N, C-alpha and C. Protein backbone atom coordinates (compact mmCIF):
# COMPACT_ATOMS: atom_id res chain seq x y z
N MET A 1 0.79 -1.18 0.02
CA MET A 1 0.07 0.12 0.01
C MET A 1 0.86 1.26 0.12
N GLN A 2 0.48 2.22 -0.75
CA GLN A 2 1.25 3.55 -0.85
C GLN A 2 1.08 4.40 0.37
N PRO A 3 2.14 5.12 0.81
CA PRO A 3 1.83 6.02 1.79
C PRO A 3 0.82 7.06 1.37
N VAL A 4 0.02 7.62 2.41
CA VAL A 4 -0.91 8.50 2.27
C VAL A 4 -0.29 9.80 1.84
N PRO A 5 -0.68 10.58 0.89
CA PRO A 5 -0.12 11.82 0.40
C PRO A 5 -0.25 12.92 1.47
N GLU A 6 0.75 13.73 1.64
CA GLU A 6 0.48 15.03 2.49
C GLU A 6 -0.53 15.72 2.16
N ILE A 7 -1.40 16.33 2.90
CA ILE A 7 -2.49 17.15 2.67
C ILE A 7 -2.13 18.62 2.87
N ASP A 8 -2.38 19.40 2.03
CA ASP A 8 -2.07 20.95 2.32
C ASP A 8 -3.40 21.41 2.85
N ILE A 9 -3.66 21.45 3.99
CA ILE A 9 -4.91 21.75 4.83
C ILE A 9 -5.15 23.16 4.73
N GLU A 10 -4.07 24.00 4.52
CA GLU A 10 -4.36 25.60 4.42
C GLU A 10 -4.87 25.73 3.16
N ARG A 11 -4.47 25.18 1.97
CA ARG A 11 -5.03 25.34 0.59
C ARG A 11 -6.54 24.80 0.71
N LEU A 12 -6.61 23.74 1.18
CA LEU A 12 -7.84 23.10 1.14
C LEU A 12 -8.96 24.06 1.89
N ALA A 13 -8.59 24.56 3.12
CA ALA A 13 -9.40 25.32 3.78
C ALA A 13 -9.81 26.72 2.99
N ALA A 14 -8.74 27.17 2.30
CA ALA A 14 -8.96 28.27 1.59
C ALA A 14 -9.85 28.02 0.37
N LEU A 15 -9.73 27.08 -0.21
CA LEU A 15 -10.63 26.58 -1.46
C LEU A 15 -12.02 26.39 -0.97
N ALA A 16 -12.30 25.95 0.49
CA ALA A 16 -13.65 25.68 1.00
C ALA A 16 -14.08 26.88 1.86
N ARG A 17 -13.23 28.05 1.73
CA ARG A 17 -13.47 29.42 2.27
C ARG A 17 -13.78 29.18 3.83
N LEU A 18 -12.75 28.40 4.42
CA LEU A 18 -12.95 28.18 6.04
C LEU A 18 -11.78 28.71 6.59
N ARG A 19 -12.03 29.36 7.73
CA ARG A 19 -11.10 29.80 8.67
C ARG A 19 -10.83 28.87 9.75
N LEU A 20 -9.71 28.18 9.91
CA LEU A 20 -9.37 27.17 10.80
C LEU A 20 -8.38 27.48 11.85
N SER A 21 -8.51 27.25 13.10
CA SER A 21 -7.47 27.43 14.08
C SER A 21 -6.36 26.39 13.85
N ASP A 22 -5.22 26.73 14.30
CA ASP A 22 -4.10 25.68 14.26
C ASP A 22 -4.46 24.20 14.77
N GLU A 23 -5.31 24.21 15.91
CA GLU A 23 -5.70 22.95 16.36
C GLU A 23 -6.79 22.32 15.43
N GLU A 24 -7.56 22.96 14.62
CA GLU A 24 -8.46 22.50 13.80
C GLU A 24 -7.65 21.92 12.65
N LYS A 25 -6.57 22.64 12.08
CA LYS A 25 -5.90 22.22 11.03
C LYS A 25 -5.26 20.88 11.19
N THR A 26 -4.71 20.80 12.48
CA THR A 26 -4.11 19.54 12.85
C THR A 26 -5.05 18.37 12.91
N GLU A 27 -6.21 18.61 13.48
CA GLU A 27 -7.34 17.53 13.59
C GLU A 27 -7.68 17.11 12.31
N PHE A 28 -8.16 18.05 11.48
CA PHE A 28 -8.76 17.84 10.22
C PHE A 28 -7.78 17.21 9.18
N SER A 29 -6.37 17.58 9.31
CA SER A 29 -5.40 17.00 8.41
C SER A 29 -5.33 15.40 8.93
N GLN A 30 -5.28 15.11 10.25
CA GLN A 30 -5.27 13.75 10.50
C GLN A 30 -6.47 13.11 10.03
N GLN A 31 -7.68 13.55 10.23
CA GLN A 31 -8.96 12.98 9.90
C GLN A 31 -8.90 12.55 8.28
N LEU A 32 -8.38 13.77 7.56
CA LEU A 32 -8.46 13.57 5.95
C LEU A 32 -7.40 12.38 5.64
N SER A 33 -6.32 12.40 6.28
CA SER A 33 -5.38 11.35 6.11
C SER A 33 -5.93 9.89 6.41
N GLN A 34 -6.76 9.76 7.45
CA GLN A 34 -7.39 8.54 7.75
C GLN A 34 -8.29 8.21 6.58
N ILE A 35 -9.16 9.07 6.14
CA ILE A 35 -10.10 8.87 5.06
C ILE A 35 -9.44 8.35 3.94
N LEU A 36 -8.25 9.14 3.45
CA LEU A 36 -7.53 8.62 2.32
C LEU A 36 -6.99 7.29 2.37
N GLY A 37 -6.56 7.05 3.71
CA GLY A 37 -6.09 5.70 3.89
C GLY A 37 -7.05 4.51 3.75
N PHE A 38 -8.37 4.88 4.17
CA PHE A 38 -9.41 3.99 3.88
C PHE A 38 -9.68 3.77 2.44
N PHE A 39 -9.51 4.80 1.52
CA PHE A 39 -9.77 4.74 0.18
C PHE A 39 -8.72 4.02 -0.39
N GLN A 40 -7.48 4.02 0.11
CA GLN A 40 -6.33 3.23 -0.53
C GLN A 40 -6.63 1.70 -0.10
N GLN A 41 -7.20 1.28 1.17
CA GLN A 41 -7.47 0.07 1.34
C GLN A 41 -8.53 -0.55 0.38
N LEU A 42 -9.50 0.41 0.10
CA LEU A 42 -10.68 -0.18 -0.97
C LEU A 42 -9.91 -0.35 -2.29
N GLN A 43 -9.15 0.37 -2.61
CA GLN A 43 -8.46 0.32 -4.00
C GLN A 43 -7.70 -1.05 -4.09
N SER A 44 -7.21 -1.63 -3.01
CA SER A 44 -6.40 -2.92 -3.10
C SER A 44 -7.25 -4.02 -3.19
N ILE A 45 -8.66 -3.99 -3.06
CA ILE A 45 -9.61 -5.08 -3.17
C ILE A 45 -9.73 -5.39 -4.69
N GLU A 46 -9.58 -6.84 -5.03
CA GLU A 46 -9.81 -7.05 -6.32
C GLU A 46 -11.29 -7.38 -6.62
N VAL A 47 -11.69 -6.65 -7.54
CA VAL A 47 -13.23 -6.61 -7.86
C VAL A 47 -13.40 -7.07 -9.31
N GLY A 48 -12.18 -7.50 -9.99
CA GLY A 48 -12.59 -7.76 -11.47
C GLY A 48 -13.45 -8.69 -11.83
N GLU A 49 -13.71 -9.75 -10.98
CA GLU A 49 -14.75 -10.73 -11.41
C GLU A 49 -16.11 -10.66 -10.66
N ILE A 50 -16.42 -9.63 -10.04
CA ILE A 50 -17.66 -9.26 -9.45
C ILE A 50 -18.45 -8.53 -10.48
N ALA A 51 -19.55 -8.96 -10.78
CA ALA A 51 -20.56 -8.29 -11.76
C ALA A 51 -21.09 -6.97 -11.14
N PRO A 52 -21.15 -5.99 -12.10
CA PRO A 52 -21.86 -4.77 -11.49
C PRO A 52 -23.15 -5.02 -11.14
N MET A 53 -23.67 -4.31 -10.14
CA MET A 53 -25.08 -4.43 -9.78
C MET A 53 -25.75 -3.15 -9.38
N SER A 54 -27.03 -2.89 -9.48
CA SER A 54 -27.56 -1.70 -9.00
C SER A 54 -28.32 -1.86 -7.80
N HIS A 55 -28.50 -3.18 -7.19
CA HIS A 55 -29.17 -3.35 -6.00
C HIS A 55 -28.33 -4.47 -5.25
N PRO A 56 -28.29 -4.38 -3.88
CA PRO A 56 -27.55 -5.47 -3.15
C PRO A 56 -28.23 -6.80 -3.25
N PHE A 57 -29.50 -6.79 -3.39
CA PHE A 57 -30.16 -8.07 -3.55
C PHE A 57 -30.69 -8.59 -4.90
N GLU A 58 -30.82 -9.65 -5.17
CA GLU A 58 -31.19 -10.17 -6.53
C GLU A 58 -32.77 -9.93 -6.61
N THR A 59 -33.18 -9.18 -7.41
CA THR A 59 -34.69 -8.94 -7.57
C THR A 59 -35.09 -8.74 -8.97
N ASP A 60 -36.27 -9.28 -9.19
CA ASP A 60 -36.80 -8.97 -10.43
C ASP A 60 -37.91 -8.03 -10.28
N ALA A 61 -37.93 -7.01 -10.88
CA ALA A 61 -38.80 -5.85 -10.89
C ALA A 61 -40.18 -6.35 -11.47
N PRO A 62 -41.13 -6.32 -10.61
CA PRO A 62 -42.48 -6.70 -11.24
C PRO A 62 -43.01 -5.72 -12.19
N LEU A 63 -43.22 -5.97 -13.38
CA LEU A 63 -43.59 -4.98 -14.36
C LEU A 63 -44.82 -5.48 -14.94
N ARG A 64 -45.71 -4.49 -15.11
CA ARG A 64 -47.02 -4.67 -15.80
C ARG A 64 -46.83 -4.96 -17.40
N GLU A 65 -47.68 -5.74 -17.97
CA GLU A 65 -47.60 -5.63 -19.54
C GLU A 65 -47.84 -4.30 -19.99
N ASP A 66 -47.23 -3.73 -20.94
CA ASP A 66 -47.47 -2.48 -21.66
C ASP A 66 -48.34 -2.63 -22.60
N ASP A 67 -49.72 -2.65 -22.25
CA ASP A 67 -50.74 -2.80 -23.11
C ASP A 67 -51.36 -1.40 -23.61
N PRO A 68 -51.46 -1.11 -24.84
CA PRO A 68 -51.79 0.12 -25.25
C PRO A 68 -53.39 0.41 -24.82
N SER A 69 -53.62 1.44 -24.43
CA SER A 69 -55.08 1.75 -24.27
C SER A 69 -55.46 3.16 -24.70
N PRO A 70 -56.68 3.47 -24.98
CA PRO A 70 -57.00 4.85 -25.45
C PRO A 70 -56.72 5.78 -24.32
N GLY A 71 -56.35 7.08 -24.99
CA GLY A 71 -56.15 8.14 -24.14
C GLY A 71 -57.31 8.82 -23.80
N TRP A 72 -57.27 9.90 -22.92
CA TRP A 72 -58.32 10.65 -22.63
C TRP A 72 -58.65 11.54 -23.77
N SER A 73 -59.91 11.87 -23.60
CA SER A 73 -60.35 12.96 -24.60
C SER A 73 -59.99 14.32 -24.05
N PRO A 74 -59.93 15.26 -24.98
CA PRO A 74 -59.50 16.59 -24.40
C PRO A 74 -60.39 17.17 -23.33
N GLN A 75 -61.68 16.85 -23.49
CA GLN A 75 -62.67 17.30 -22.62
C GLN A 75 -62.59 16.78 -21.20
N ARG A 76 -62.08 15.42 -21.15
CA ARG A 76 -62.01 14.78 -19.85
C ARG A 76 -60.63 15.36 -19.16
N ALA A 77 -59.68 15.36 -20.12
CA ALA A 77 -58.25 15.83 -19.51
C ALA A 77 -58.19 17.37 -18.95
N LEU A 78 -59.19 18.03 -19.48
CA LEU A 78 -59.37 19.53 -19.02
C LEU A 78 -60.60 19.69 -17.99
N LEU A 79 -61.02 18.71 -17.38
CA LEU A 79 -62.20 18.73 -16.59
C LEU A 79 -61.74 19.60 -15.30
N ASN A 80 -60.61 19.44 -14.66
CA ASN A 80 -60.17 20.13 -13.53
C ASN A 80 -59.29 21.24 -13.85
N ALA A 81 -58.99 21.59 -15.08
CA ALA A 81 -58.17 22.73 -15.35
C ALA A 81 -58.92 24.01 -14.88
N PRO A 82 -58.12 25.02 -14.33
CA PRO A 82 -58.75 26.27 -14.05
C PRO A 82 -59.22 27.11 -15.15
N ALA A 83 -58.43 27.07 -16.31
CA ALA A 83 -58.83 27.68 -17.33
C ALA A 83 -58.43 26.83 -18.58
N SER A 84 -59.25 26.96 -19.60
CA SER A 84 -58.89 26.28 -20.93
C SER A 84 -59.31 27.05 -22.17
N ARG A 85 -58.96 26.82 -23.39
CA ARG A 85 -59.23 27.52 -24.45
C ARG A 85 -58.77 26.70 -25.81
N ASP A 86 -59.57 26.33 -26.52
CA ASP A 86 -59.36 25.61 -27.80
C ASP A 86 -58.77 24.11 -27.35
N ASN A 87 -59.36 23.67 -26.49
CA ASN A 87 -58.99 22.26 -25.97
C ASN A 87 -57.35 22.25 -25.51
N GLN A 88 -56.93 23.51 -24.77
CA GLN A 88 -55.60 23.62 -24.38
C GLN A 88 -55.77 24.19 -23.01
N LEU A 89 -54.77 23.92 -22.01
CA LEU A 89 -54.84 24.85 -20.73
C LEU A 89 -54.33 26.05 -21.07
N VAL A 90 -54.78 26.97 -20.28
CA VAL A 90 -54.48 28.36 -20.20
C VAL A 90 -53.66 28.58 -18.87
N VAL A 91 -52.43 28.81 -18.97
CA VAL A 91 -51.65 29.19 -17.78
C VAL A 91 -51.22 30.67 -17.76
N PRO A 92 -50.72 31.14 -16.57
CA PRO A 92 -50.09 32.53 -16.64
C PRO A 92 -48.91 32.73 -17.30
N LYS A 93 -48.55 33.72 -17.92
CA LYS A 93 -47.28 34.11 -18.66
C LYS A 93 -46.30 34.03 -17.65
N VAL A 94 -45.23 33.36 -17.96
CA VAL A 94 -44.08 33.42 -16.94
C VAL A 94 -42.83 33.85 -17.63
N ILE A 95 -42.77 34.26 -18.86
CA ILE A 95 -41.44 34.84 -19.62
C ILE A 95 -41.92 36.20 -19.94
N GLU A 96 -41.14 37.14 -19.62
CA GLU A 96 -41.38 38.63 -19.74
C GLU A 96 -40.82 38.81 -21.21
N ASP A 97 -41.43 39.97 -21.84
CA ASP A 97 -41.06 40.25 -23.18
C ASP A 97 -39.59 40.85 -22.96
N ALA A 98 -38.88 40.63 -23.94
CA ALA A 98 -37.52 41.12 -23.97
C ALA A 98 -37.28 42.52 -24.47
């Protein structure tokens, strides 16, 4: 395993726009070094033969059949619309004229 690289905590604090005391710099530097060490441990694990997965458990998603069905008529679709005109919804203008 490679040694954990030195962390420039002052530059990191400046990038994050943080003001850190000397004690905080020492504490955070140690904590970040530990975190990077954990990532190095993870990199040493051989995962080449493990198939990628999107879920930790084997599951088959229950899907319904994709049966076509007739859509709603414009009148039914507009039943609860606050305002409509020519079988279309009427909505307030949201873009100002340039």
